[in-house]
């Protein structure tokens, strides 16, 4: 019996390919095409709570930065 990717708790890569191909025909009511925005940015929300949040706030205050700037710096330096 074939798995239904819409209800499968662990859909696999390619599970939605047939559906996406069926709606991306240029005149589909499900697809709306727009030009891209070259200056667009993606924002990712990171949740930090409890003692970790307090440490992050203290570290940011020590450096005179916002907590988000500290997280960005940590991610950049992790590579």
PDB file of N, CA and C in Angstrom:
ATOM      1  N   UNK A   1       0.855  -1.170   0.000  1.00  0.00           N
ATOM      2  CA  UNK A   1       0.000   0.000   0.000  1.00  0.00           C
ATOM      3  C   UNK A   1       0.904   1.237   0.000  1.00  0.00           C
ATOM      4  N   UNK A   2       0.614   2.175  -0.879  1.00  0.00           N
ATOM      5  CA  UNK A   2       1.411   3.399  -0.986  1.00  0.00           C
ATOM      6  C   UNK A   2       1.140   4.321   0.198  1.00  0.00           C
ATOM      7  N   UNK A   3       2.199   4.988   0.633  1.00  0.00           N
ATOM      8  CA  UNK A   3       2.056   5.942   1.731  1.00  0.00           C
ATOM      9  C   UNK A   3       1.492   7.253   1.203  1.00  0.00           C
ATOM     10  N   UNK A   4       0.723   7.926   2.012  1.00  0.00           N
ATOM     11  CA  UNK A   4       0.194   9.244   1.670  1.00  0.00           C
ATOM     12  C   UNK A   4       1.128  10.279   2.289  1.00  0.00           C
ATOM     13  N   UNK A   5       1.866  11.059   1.469  1.00  0.00           N
ATOM     14  CA  UNK A   5       2.821  12.010   2.036  1.00  0.00           C
ATOM     15  C   UNK A   5       2.161  13.102   2.877  1.00  0.00           C
ATOM     16  N   UNK A   6       0.872  13.325   2.655  1.00  0.00           N
ATOM     17  CA  UNK A   6       0.168  14.373   3.413  1.00  0.00           C
ATOM     18  C   UNK A   6      -0.103  13.949   4.849  1.00  0.00           C
ATOM     19  N   UNK A   7      -0.148  12.648   5.102  1.00  0.00           N
ATOM     20  CA  UNK A   7      -0.417  12.178   6.463  1.00  0.00           C
ATOM     21  C   UNK A   7       0.751  11.387   7.057  1.00  0.00           C
ATOM     22  N   UNK A   8       1.738  11.072   6.240  1.00  0.00           N
ATOM     23  CA  UNK A   8       2.907  10.325   6.711  1.00  0.00           C
ATOM     24  C   UNK A   8       3.702  11.195   7.687  1.00  0.00           C
ATOM     25  N   UNK A   9       4.012  10.701   8.893  1.00  0.00           N
ATOM     26  CA  UNK A   9       4.774  11.509   9.844  1.00  0.00           C
ATOM     27  C   UNK A   9       6.210  11.767   9.393  1.00  0.00           C
ATOM     28  N   UNK A  10       6.692  11.011   8.390  1.00  0.00           N
ATOM     29  CA  UNK A  10       8.057  11.180   7.917  1.00  0.00           C
ATOM     30  C   UNK A  10       8.093  11.106   6.388  1.00  0.00           C
ATOM     31  N   UNK A  11       7.540  12.151   5.712  1.00  0.00           N
ATOM     32  CA  UNK A  11       7.589  12.110   4.246  1.00  0.00           C
ATOM     33  C   UNK A  11       9.034  12.176   3.763  1.00  0.00           C
ATOM     34  N   UNK A  12       9.298  11.507   2.673  1.00  0.00           N
ATOM     35  CA  UNK A  12      10.650  11.398   2.146  1.00  0.00           C
ATOM     36  C   UNK A  12      10.885  12.400   1.015  1.00  0.00           C
ATOM     37  N   UNK A  13      12.153  12.700   0.717  1.00  0.00           N
ATOM     38  CA  UNK A  13      12.433  13.590  -0.402  1.00  0.00           C
ATOM     39  C   UNK A  13      11.766  13.071  -1.672  1.00  0.00           C
ATOM     40  N   UNK A  14      11.132  13.964  -2.376  1.00  0.00           N
ATOM     41  CA  UNK A  14      10.446  13.587  -3.606  1.00  0.00           C
ATOM     42  C   UNK A  14       9.011  13.171  -3.411  1.00  0.00           C
ATOM     43  N   UNK A  15       8.556  13.058  -2.167  1.00  0.00           N
ATOM     44  CA  UNK A  15       7.202  12.582  -1.902  1.00  0.00           C
ATOM     45  C   UNK A  15       6.138  13.495  -2.505  1.00  0.00           C
ATOM     46  N   UNK A  16       6.441  14.780  -2.666  1.00  0.00           N
ATOM     47  CA  UNK A  16       5.453  15.721  -3.185  1.00  0.00           C
ATOM     48  C   UNK A  16       5.738  16.121  -4.632  1.00  0.00           C
ATOM     49  N   UNK A  17       6.737  15.511  -5.259  1.00  0.00           N
ATOM     50  CA  UNK A  17       7.126  15.914  -6.610  1.00  0.00           C
ATOM     51  C   UNK A  17       5.983  15.808  -7.613  1.00  0.00           C
ATOM     52  N   UNK A  18       5.238  14.721  -7.581  1.00  0.00           N
ATOM     53  CA  UNK A  18       4.150  14.537  -8.540  1.00  0.00           C
ATOM     54  C   UNK A  18       3.084  15.622  -8.351  1.00  0.00           C
ATOM     55  N   UNK A  19       2.771  15.929  -7.099  1.00  0.00           N
ATOM     56  CA  UNK A  19       1.778  16.978  -6.830  1.00  0.00           C
ATOM     57  C   UNK A  19       2.280  18.320  -7.325  1.00  0.00           C
ATOM     58  N   UNK A  20       3.529  18.648  -7.013  1.00  0.00           N
ATOM     59  CA  UNK A  20       4.082  19.936  -7.444  1.00  0.00           C
ATOM     60  C   UNK A  20       4.131  20.037  -8.961  1.00  0.00           C
ATOM     61  N   UNK A  21       4.483  18.968  -9.634  1.00  0.00           N
ATOM     62  CA  UNK A  21       4.504  18.982 -11.095  1.00  0.00           C
ATOM     63  C   UNK A  21       3.106  19.181 -11.663  1.00  0.00           C
ATOM     64  N   UNK A  22       2.100  18.635 -11.001  1.00  0.00           N
ATOM     65  CA  UNK A  22       0.728  18.752 -11.515  1.00  0.00           C
ATOM     66  C   UNK A  22       0.163  20.157 -11.366  1.00  0.00           C
ATOM     67  N   UNK A  23       0.639  20.933 -10.390  1.00  0.00           N
ATOM     68  CA  UNK A  23       0.085  22.279 -10.217  1.00  0.00           C
ATOM     69  C   UNK A  23       0.930  23.352 -10.877  1.00  0.00           C
ATOM     70  N   UNK A  24       2.148  23.040 -11.269  1.00  0.00           N
ATOM     71  CA  UNK A  24       3.039  24.042 -11.838  1.00  0.00           C
ATOM     72  C   UNK A  24       2.969  24.000 -13.369  1.00  0.00           C
ATOM     73  N   UNK A  25       1.801  24.226 -13.917  1.00  0.00           N
ATOM     74  CA  UNK A  25       1.623  24.192 -15.367  1.00  0.00           C
ATOM     75  C   UNK A  25       1.439  25.584 -15.969  1.00  0.00           C
ATOM     76  N   UNK A  26       1.695  26.648 -15.207  1.00  0.00           N
ATOM     77  CA  UNK A  26       1.605  27.999 -15.732  1.00  0.00           C
ATOM     78  C   UNK A  26       0.231  28.630 -15.607  1.00  0.00           C
ATOM     79  N   UNK A  27      -0.826  27.841 -15.677  1.00  0.00           N
ATOM     80  CA  UNK A  27      -2.175  28.404 -15.564  1.00  0.00           C
ATOM     81  C   UNK A  27      -2.940  27.828 -14.374  1.00  0.00           C
ATOM     82  N   UNK A  28      -2.216  27.282 -13.426  1.00  0.00           N
ATOM     83  CA  UNK A  28      -2.832  26.660 -12.261  1.00  0.00           C
ATOM     84  C   UNK A  28      -3.389  27.717 -11.311  1.00  0.00           C
ATOM     85  N   UNK A  29      -4.569  27.491 -10.737  1.00  0.00           N
ATOM     86  CA  UNK A  29      -5.095  28.430  -9.741  1.00  0.00           C
ATOM     87  C   UNK A  29      -4.344  28.351  -8.415  1.00  0.00           C
ATOM     88  N   UNK A  30      -3.474  27.351  -8.258  1.00  0.00           N
ATOM     89  CA  UNK A  30      -2.730  27.179  -7.011  1.00  0.00           C
ATOM     90  C   UNK A  30      -1.379  27.878  -7.021  1.00  0.00           C
ATOM     91  N   UNK A  31      -0.940  28.336  -8.196  1.00  0.00           N
ATOM     92  CA  UNK A  31       0.384  28.926  -8.328  1.00  0.00           C
ATOM     93  C   UNK A  31       0.260  30.376  -8.745  1.00  0.00           C
ATOM     94  N   UNK A  32       0.938  31.229  -8.040  1.00  0.00           N
ATOM     95  CA  UNK A  32       0.980  32.648  -8.368  1.00  0.00           C
ATOM     96  C   UNK A  32       2.444  33.026  -8.532  1.00  0.00           C
ATOM     97  N   UNK A  33       2.823  33.478  -9.698  1.00  0.00           N
ATOM     98  CA  UNK A  33       4.220  33.797  -9.982  1.00  0.00           C
ATOM     99  C   UNK A  33       4.490  35.276  -9.742  1.00  0.00           C
ATOM    100  N   UNK A  34       5.631  35.555  -9.139  1.00  0.00           N
ATOM    101  CA  UNK A  34       6.057  36.922  -8.870  1.00  0.00           C
ATOM    102  C   UNK A  34       7.543  37.043  -9.189  1.00  0.00           C
ATOM    103  N   UNK A  35       7.943  38.251  -9.583  1.00  0.00           N
ATOM    104  CA  UNK A  35       9.369  38.488  -9.770  1.00  0.00           C
ATOM    105  C   UNK A  35      10.024  38.469  -8.399  1.00  0.00           C
ATOM    106  N   UNK A  36      11.245  38.055  -8.370  1.00  0.00           N
ATOM    107  CA  UNK A  36      11.975  38.032  -7.108  1.00  0.00           C
ATOM    108  C   UNK A  36      12.375  39.437  -6.679  1.00  0.00           C
ATOM    109  N   UNK A  37      12.726  39.566  -5.424  1.00  0.00           N
ATOM    110  CA  UNK A  37      13.211  40.825  -4.873  1.00  0.00           C
ATOM    111  C   UNK A  37      14.668  40.621  -4.481  1.00  0.00           C
ATOM    112  N   UNK A  38      15.607  41.199  -5.280  1.00  0.00           N
ATOM    113  CA  UNK A  38      17.023  40.952  -5.001  1.00  0.00           C
ATOM    114  C   UNK A  38      17.473  41.356  -3.597  1.00  0.00           C
ATOM    115  N   UNK A  39      16.872  42.359  -2.998  1.00  0.00           N
ATOM    116  CA  UNK A  39      17.293  42.804  -1.673  1.00  0.00           C
ATOM    117  C   UNK A  39      16.576  42.115  -0.525  1.00  0.00           C
ATOM    118  N   UNK A  40      15.767  41.106  -0.840  1.00  0.00           N
ATOM    119  CA  UNK A  40      15.002  40.430   0.207  1.00  0.00           C
ATOM    120  C   UNK A  40      15.923  39.694   1.172  1.00  0.00           C
ATOM    121  N   UNK A  41      15.509  39.625   2.423  1.00  0.00           N
ATOM    122  CA  UNK A  41      16.273  38.902   3.439  1.00  0.00           C
ATOM    123  C   UNK A  41      15.363  37.902   4.134  1.00  0.00           C
ATOM    124  N   UNK A  42      15.961  36.851   4.616  1.00  0.00           N
ATOM    125  CA  UNK A  42      15.244  35.823   5.360  1.00  0.00           C
ATOM    126  C   UNK A  42      15.537  36.009   6.836  1.00  0.00           C
ATOM    127  N   UNK A  43      14.501  35.999   7.640  1.00  0.00           N
ATOM    128  CA  UNK A  43      14.675  36.088   9.086  1.00  0.00           C
ATOM    129  C   UNK A  43      14.282  34.757   9.697  1.00  0.00           C
ATOM    130  N   UNK A  44      15.139  34.241  10.540  1.00  0.00           N
ATOM    131  CA  UNK A  44      14.852  32.988  11.240  1.00  0.00           C
ATOM    132  C   UNK A  44      14.706  33.319  12.717  1.00  0.00           C
ATOM    133  N   UNK A  45      13.650  32.849  13.311  1.00  0.00           N
ATOM    134  CA  UNK A  45      13.392  33.102  14.725  1.00  0.00           C
ATOM    135  C   UNK A  45      13.983  31.954  15.533  1.00  0.00           C
ATOM    136  N   UNK A  46      14.810  32.298  16.515  1.00  0.00           N
ATOM    137  CA  UNK A  46      15.438  31.311  17.384  1.00  0.00           C
ATOM    138  C   UNK A  46      14.914  31.548  18.796  1.00  0.00           C
ATOM    139  N   UNK A  47      14.418  30.511  19.414  1.00  0.00           N
ATOM    140  CA  UNK A  47      13.880  30.643  20.767  1.00  0.00           C
ATOM    141  C   UNK A  47      14.924  30.198  21.779  1.00  0.00           C
ATOM    142  N   UNK A  48      15.248  31.088  22.693  1.00  0.00           N
ATOM    143  CA  UNK A  48      16.180  30.785  23.774  1.00  0.00           C
ATOM    144  C   UNK A  48      15.465  31.160  25.069  1.00  0.00           C
ATOM    145  N   UNK A  49      15.478  30.267  26.035  1.00  0.00           N
ATOM    146  CA  UNK A  49      14.719  30.555  27.259  1.00  0.00           C
ATOM    147  C   UNK A  49      15.533  30.174  28.497  1.00  0.00           C
ATOM    148  N   UNK A  50      15.004  30.588  29.631  1.00  0.00           N
ATOM    149  CA  UNK A  50      15.600  30.216  30.912  1.00  0.00           C
ATOM    150  C   UNK A  50      16.997  30.754  31.105  1.00  0.00           C
ATOM    151  N   UNK A  51      17.848  29.914  31.672  1.00  0.00           N
ATOM    152  CA  UNK A  51      19.225  30.317  31.966  1.00  0.00           C
ATOM    153  C   UNK A  51      20.002  30.672  30.700  1.00  0.00           C
ATOM    154  N   UNK A  52      19.708  29.976  29.601  1.00  0.00           N
ATOM    155  CA  UNK A  52      20.404  30.281  28.349  1.00  0.00           C
ATOM    156  C   UNK A  52      20.070  31.693  27.871  1.00  0.00           C
ATOM    157  N   UNK A  53      18.821  32.087  28.012  1.00  0.00           N
ATOM    158  CA  UNK A  53      18.417  33.434  27.612  1.00  0.00           C
ATOM    159  C   UNK A  53      19.094  34.481  28.490  1.00  0.00           C
ATOM    160  N   UNK A  54      19.192  34.208  29.779  1.00  0.00           N
ATOM    161  CA  UNK A  54      19.850  35.147  30.694  1.00  0.00           C
ATOM    162  C   UNK A  54      21.331  35.287  30.339  1.00  0.00           C
ATOM    163  N   UNK A  55      21.981  34.159  30.002  1.00  0.00           N
ATOM    164  CA  UNK A  55      23.396  34.208  29.601  1.00  0.00           C
ATOM    165  C   UNK A  55      23.573  34.963  28.292  1.00  0.00           C
ATOM    166  N   UNK A  56      22.656  34.751  27.366  1.00  0.00           N
ATOM    167  CA  UNK A  56      22.710  35.456  26.085  1.00  0.00           C
ATOM    168  C   UNK A  56      22.546  36.959  26.287  1.00  0.00           C
ATOM    169  N   UNK A  57      21.584  37.355  27.118  1.00  0.00           N
ATOM    170  CA  UNK A  57      21.377  38.777  27.410  1.00  0.00           C
ATOM    171  C   UNK A  57      22.610  39.396  28.069  1.00  0.00           C
ATOM    172  N   UNK A  58      23.224  38.673  28.997  1.00  0.00           N
ATOM    173  CA  UNK A  58      24.409  39.191  29.684  1.00  0.00           C
ATOM    174  C   UNK A  58      25.578  39.331  28.709  1.00  0.00           C
ATOM    175  N   UNK A  59      25.761  38.336  27.847  1.00  0.00           N
ATOM    176  CA  UNK A  59      26.832  38.385  26.864  1.00  0.00           C
ATOM    177  C   UNK A  59      26.622  39.555  25.900  1.00  0.00           C
ATOM    178  N   UNK A  60      25.390  39.746  25.469  1.00  0.00           N
ATOM    179  CA  UNK A  60      25.087  40.855  24.565  1.00  0.00           C
ATOM    180  C   UNK A  60      25.349  42.190  25.245  1.00  0.00           C
ATOM    181  N   UNK A  61      24.954  42.316  26.501  1.00  0.00           N
ATOM    182  CA  UNK A  61      25.170  43.569  27.236  1.00  0.00           C
ATOM    183  C   UNK A  61      26.660  43.855  27.394  1.00  0.00           C
ATOM    184  N   UNK A  62      27.457  42.823  27.695  1.00  0.00           N
ATOM    185  CA  UNK A  62      28.913  42.987  27.833  1.00  0.00           C
ATOM    186  C   UNK A  62      29.540  43.534  26.550  1.00  0.00           C
ATOM    187  N   UNK A  63      29.026  43.056  25.421  1.00  0.00           N
ATOM    188  CA  UNK A  63      29.615  43.440  24.134  1.00  0.00           C
ATOM    189  C   UNK A  63      28.927  44.652  23.501  1.00  0.00           C
ATOM    190  N   UNK A  64      27.859  45.129  24.128  1.00  0.00           N
ATOM    191  CA  UNK A  64      27.132  46.266  23.572  1.00  0.00           C
ATOM    192  C   UNK A  64      26.395  45.932  22.293  1.00  0.00           C
ATOM    193  N   UNK A  65      25.938  44.706  22.179  1.00  0.00           N
ATOM    194  CA  UNK A  65      25.230  44.239  20.990  1.00  0.00           C
ATOM    195  C   UNK A  65      23.844  43.740  21.357  1.00  0.00           C
ATOM    196  N   UNK A  66      23.005  43.559  20.364  1.00  0.00           N
ATOM    197  CA  UNK A  66      21.695  42.950  20.570  1.00  0.00           C
ATOM    198  C   UNK A  66      21.874  41.436  20.646  1.00  0.00           C
ATOM    199  N   UNK A  67      20.993  40.741  21.367  1.00  0.00           N
ATOM    200  CA  UNK A  67      21.110  39.276  21.440  1.00  0.00           C
ATOM    201  C   UNK A  67      21.135  38.616  20.062  1.00  0.00           C
ATOM    202  N   UNK A  68      20.366  39.123  19.128  1.00  0.00           N
ATOM    203  CA  UNK A  68      20.363  38.548  17.777  1.00  0.00           C
ATOM    204  C   UNK A  68      21.707  38.671  17.098  1.00  0.00           C
ATOM    205  N   UNK A  69      22.413  39.753  17.367  1.00  0.00           N
ATOM    206  CA  UNK A  69      23.744  39.926  16.789  1.00  0.00           C
ATOM    207  C   UNK A  69      24.731  38.919  17.369  1.00  0.00           C
ATOM    208  N   UNK A  70      24.562  38.607  18.641  1.00  0.00           N
ATOM    209  CA  UNK A  70      25.420  37.601  19.277  1.00  0.00           C
ATOM    210  C   UNK A  70      25.154  36.224  18.650  1.00  0.00           C
ATOM    211  N   UNK A  71      23.900  35.880  18.455  1.00  0.00           N
ATOM    212  CA  UNK A  71      23.556  34.592  17.841  1.00  0.00           C
ATOM    213  C   UNK A  71      24.126  34.527  16.428  1.00  0.00           C
ATOM    214  N   UNK A  72      23.992  35.613  15.654  1.00  0.00           N
ATOM    215  CA  UNK A  72      24.538  35.633  14.288  1.00  0.00           C
ATOM    216  C   UNK A  72      26.045  35.428  14.311  1.00  0.00           C
ATOM    217  N   UNK A  73      26.716  36.083  15.254  1.00  0.00           N
ATOM    218  CA  UNK A  73      28.161  35.933  15.378  1.00  0.00           C
ATOM    219  C   UNK A  73      28.544  34.496  15.716  1.00  0.00           C
ATOM    220  N   UNK A  74      27.794  33.874  16.615  1.00  0.00           N
ATOM    221  CA  UNK A  74      28.065  32.480  16.979  1.00  0.00           C
ATOM    222  C   UNK A  74      27.908  31.561  15.784  1.00  0.00           C
ATOM    223  N   UNK A  75      26.886  31.797  14.989  1.00  0.00           N
ATOM    224  CA  UNK A  75      26.649  30.948  13.807  1.00  0.00           C
ATOM    225  C   UNK A  75      27.764  31.151  12.793  1.00  0.00           C
ATOM    226  N   UNK A  76      28.141  32.394  12.545  1.00  0.00           N
ATOM    227  CA  UNK A  76      29.238  32.663  11.596  1.00  0.00           C
ATOM    228  C   UNK A  76      30.532  32.001  12.045  1.00  0.00           C
ATOM    229  N   UNK A  77      30.831  32.063  13.333  1.00  0.00           N
ATOM    230  CA  UNK A  77      32.076  31.511  13.853  1.00  0.00           C
ATOM    231  C   UNK A  77      32.062  29.990  13.970  1.00  0.00           C
ATOM    232  N   UNK A  78      30.896  29.381  13.899  1.00  0.00           N
ATOM    233  CA  UNK A  78      30.787  27.922  14.036  1.00  0.00           C
ATOM    234  C   UNK A  78      31.304  27.217  12.791  1.00  0.00           C
ATOM    235  N   UNK A  79      31.336  27.897  11.677  1.00  0.00           N
ATOM    236  CA  UNK A  79      31.772  27.268  10.424  1.00  0.00           C
ATOM    237  C   UNK A  79      33.217  27.214  10.339  1.00  0.00           C
TER     238      UNK A  79
END
